[in-house]
Amino acid sequence: MIGKAYFVDDSDLGKLKVSFWGPFYSSYNIIVLDKKNYSYSMVCGPNKSYLLILAREPHMKESLKLELMNRAKDMGFKTDKMIHVTH
């Protein structure tokens, strides 16, 4: 997908507004980032109603996925409701 994004605050903060559908923008907050290799991130909206775990590769090590899921749970996300996509 091709989208548009802009920083809400400073450009060194992971707080953006993103649009994939015309003039409608949504919050895109990077809450966890692999700062060494940029191979994964966790992104949420303005509240805990949605969470994305994103990766550059189609397959993520199960141990890393569990670690990220546990971090999300500790942050208050309902990880038992997550949908896991197979690539």
C-alpha atoms as a PDB file:
ATOM      1  CA  MET A   1       0.000   0.000   0.000  1.00  0.00           C
ATOM      2  CA  ILE A   2       1.064   3.546  -0.564  1.00  0.00           C
ATOM      3  CA  GLY A   3       0.138   6.044   2.078  1.00  0.00           C
ATOM      4  CA  LYS A   4       0.845   9.540   3.261  1.00  0.00           C
ATOM      5  CA  ALA A   5       2.269  10.356   6.664  1.00  0.00           C
ATOM      6  CA  TYR A   6       3.434  13.318   8.652  1.00  0.00           C
ATOM      7  CA  PHE A   7       5.000  13.748  12.081  1.00  0.00           C
ATOM      8  CA  VAL A   8       2.722  15.086  14.795  1.00  0.00           C
ATOM      9  CA  ASP A   9       5.566  16.293  17.026  1.00  0.00           C
ATOM     10  CA  ASP A  10       9.323  16.189  16.545  1.00  0.00           C
ATOM     11  CA  SER A  11      10.619  14.063  13.680  1.00  0.00           C
ATOM     12  CA  ASP A  12      12.660  11.945  16.103  1.00  0.00           C
ATOM     13  CA  LEU A  13       9.480  10.754  17.858  1.00  0.00           C
ATOM     14  CA  GLY A  14       7.442   7.875  16.444  1.00  0.00           C
ATOM     15  CA  LYS A  15       4.147   9.753  16.558  1.00  0.00           C
ATOM     16  CA  LEU A  16       2.579  10.185  13.141  1.00  0.00           C
ATOM     17  CA  LYS A  17      -0.688  10.680  11.325  1.00  0.00           C
ATOM     18  CA  VAL A  18      -1.060   8.251   8.415  1.00  0.00           C
ATOM     19  CA  SER A  19      -3.559   8.017   5.584  1.00  0.00           C
ATOM     20  CA  PHE A  20      -4.105   5.220   3.093  1.00  0.00           C
ATOM     21  CA  TRP A  21      -7.579   6.386   2.060  1.00  0.00           C
ATOM     22  CA  GLY A  22      -7.729   9.963   0.845  1.00  0.00           C
ATOM     23  CA  PRO A  23      -8.244  12.716   3.394  1.00  0.00           C
ATOM     24  CA  PHE A  24      -8.794  10.393   6.374  1.00  0.00           C
ATOM     25  CA  TYR A  25      -5.805  10.251   8.742  1.00  0.00           C
ATOM     26  CA  SER A  26      -5.294   7.969  11.716  1.00  0.00           C
ATOM     27  CA  SER A  27      -2.852   7.934  14.612  1.00  0.00           C
ATOM     28  CA  TYR A  28       0.231   5.778  14.063  1.00  0.00           C
ATOM     29  CA  ASN A  29       2.335   5.563  17.216  1.00  0.00           C
ATOM     30  CA  ILE A  30       5.520   3.510  17.166  1.00  0.00           C
ATOM     31  CA  ILE A  31       5.745   2.072  20.681  1.00  0.00           C
ATOM     32  CA  VAL A  32       8.494  -0.542  20.135  1.00  0.00           C
ATOM     33  CA  LEU A  33      11.208  -0.409  17.489  1.00  0.00           C
ATOM     34  CA  ASP A  34      14.199  -2.587  16.644  1.00  0.00           C
ATOM     35  CA  LYS A  35      16.630   0.337  16.631  1.00  0.00           C
ATOM     36  CA  LYS A  36      19.582  -1.801  15.566  1.00  0.00           C
ATOM     37  CA  ASN A  37      18.286  -3.472  12.387  1.00  0.00           C
ATOM     38  CA  TYR A  38      14.827  -1.927  11.931  1.00  0.00           C
ATOM     39  CA  SER A  39      13.499  -5.456  11.427  1.00  0.00           C
ATOM     40  CA  TYR A  40      10.338  -5.115  13.538  1.00  0.00           C
ATOM     41  CA  SER A  41       8.118  -2.606  15.284  1.00  0.00           C
ATOM     42  CA  MET A  42       4.927  -2.397  17.290  1.00  0.00           C
ATOM     43  CA  VAL A  43       2.454   0.307  16.341  1.00  0.00           C
ATOM     44  CA  CYS A  44      -0.775   1.393  17.990  1.00  0.00           C
ATOM     45  CA  GLY A  45      -3.445   4.008  17.483  1.00  0.00           C
ATOM     46  CA  PRO A  46      -4.563   6.762  19.833  1.00  0.00           C
ATOM     47  CA  ASN A  47      -5.666   4.185  22.413  1.00  0.00           C
ATOM     48  CA  LYS A  48      -5.381   0.440  22.999  1.00  0.00           C
ATOM     49  CA  SER A  49      -8.121  -0.509  20.521  1.00  0.00           C
ATOM     50  CA  TYR A  50      -5.642  -1.699  17.896  1.00  0.00           C
ATOM     51  CA  LEU A  51      -2.066  -2.916  17.779  1.00  0.00           C
ATOM     52  CA  LEU A  52       0.139  -4.000  14.899  1.00  0.00           C
ATOM     53  CA  ILE A  53       3.315  -6.041  15.090  1.00  0.00           C
ATOM     54  CA  LEU A  54       5.179  -5.355  11.873  1.00  0.00           C
ATOM     55  CA  ALA A  55       8.244  -7.088  10.434  1.00  0.00           C
ATOM     56  CA  ARG A  56      10.357  -6.631   7.319  1.00  0.00           C
ATOM     57  CA  GLU A  57      10.469 -10.359   6.672  1.00  0.00           C
ATOM     58  CA  PRO A  58       7.383 -12.558   6.200  1.00  0.00           C
ATOM     59  CA  HIS A  59       8.426 -14.849   9.071  1.00  0.00           C
ATOM     60  CA  MET A  60       9.291 -13.811  12.606  1.00  0.00           C
ATOM     61  CA  LYS A  61      11.015 -16.042  15.147  1.00  0.00           C
ATOM     62  CA  GLU A  62       8.429 -17.426  17.540  1.00  0.00           C
ATOM     63  CA  SER A  63      10.522 -16.335  20.534  1.00  0.00           C
ATOM     64  CA  LEU A  64      10.563 -12.715  19.310  1.00  0.00           C
ATOM     65  CA  LYS A  65       6.839 -12.788  18.585  1.00  0.00           C
ATOM     66  CA  LEU A  66       6.133 -14.058  22.115  1.00  0.00           C
ATOM     67  CA  GLU A  67       8.426 -11.409  23.602  1.00  0.00           C
ATOM     68  CA  LEU A  68       6.584  -8.653  21.722  1.00  0.00           C
ATOM     69  CA  MET A  69       3.199 -10.102  22.651  1.00  0.00           C
ATOM     70  CA  ASN A  70       4.227 -10.137  26.332  1.00  0.00           C
ATOM     71  CA  ARG A  71       5.417  -6.530  26.117  1.00  0.00           C
ATOM     72  CA  ALA A  72       2.113  -5.537  24.544  1.00  0.00           C
ATOM     73  CA  LYS A  73       0.175  -7.382  27.248  1.00  0.00           C
ATOM     74  CA  ASP A  74       2.224  -5.615  29.927  1.00  0.00           C
ATOM     75  CA  MET A  75       1.276  -2.301  28.276  1.00  0.00           C
ATOM     76  CA  GLY A  76      -2.411  -3.192  28.615  1.00  0.00           C
ATOM     77  CA  PHE A  77      -3.260  -4.487  25.126  1.00  0.00           C
ATOM     78  CA  LYS A  78      -5.663  -7.427  24.808  1.00  0.00           C
ATOM     79  CA  THR A  79      -3.243  -9.751  23.064  1.00  0.00           C
ATOM     80  CA  ASP A  80      -5.640 -12.701  23.235  1.00  0.00           C
ATOM     81  CA  LYS A  81      -7.790 -10.866  20.667  1.00  0.00           C
ATOM     82  CA  MET A  82      -4.965 -10.421  18.132  1.00  0.00           C
ATOM     83  CA  ILE A  83      -5.229 -11.874  14.650  1.00  0.00           C
ATOM     84  CA  HIS A  84      -2.065 -13.619  13.449  1.00  0.00           C
ATOM     85  CA  VAL A  85      -1.531 -13.420   9.713  1.00  0.00           C
ATOM     86  CA  THR A  86       0.345 -16.193   7.922  1.00  0.00           C
ATOM     87  CA  HIS A  87       2.544 -15.099   5.006  1.00  0.00           C
END
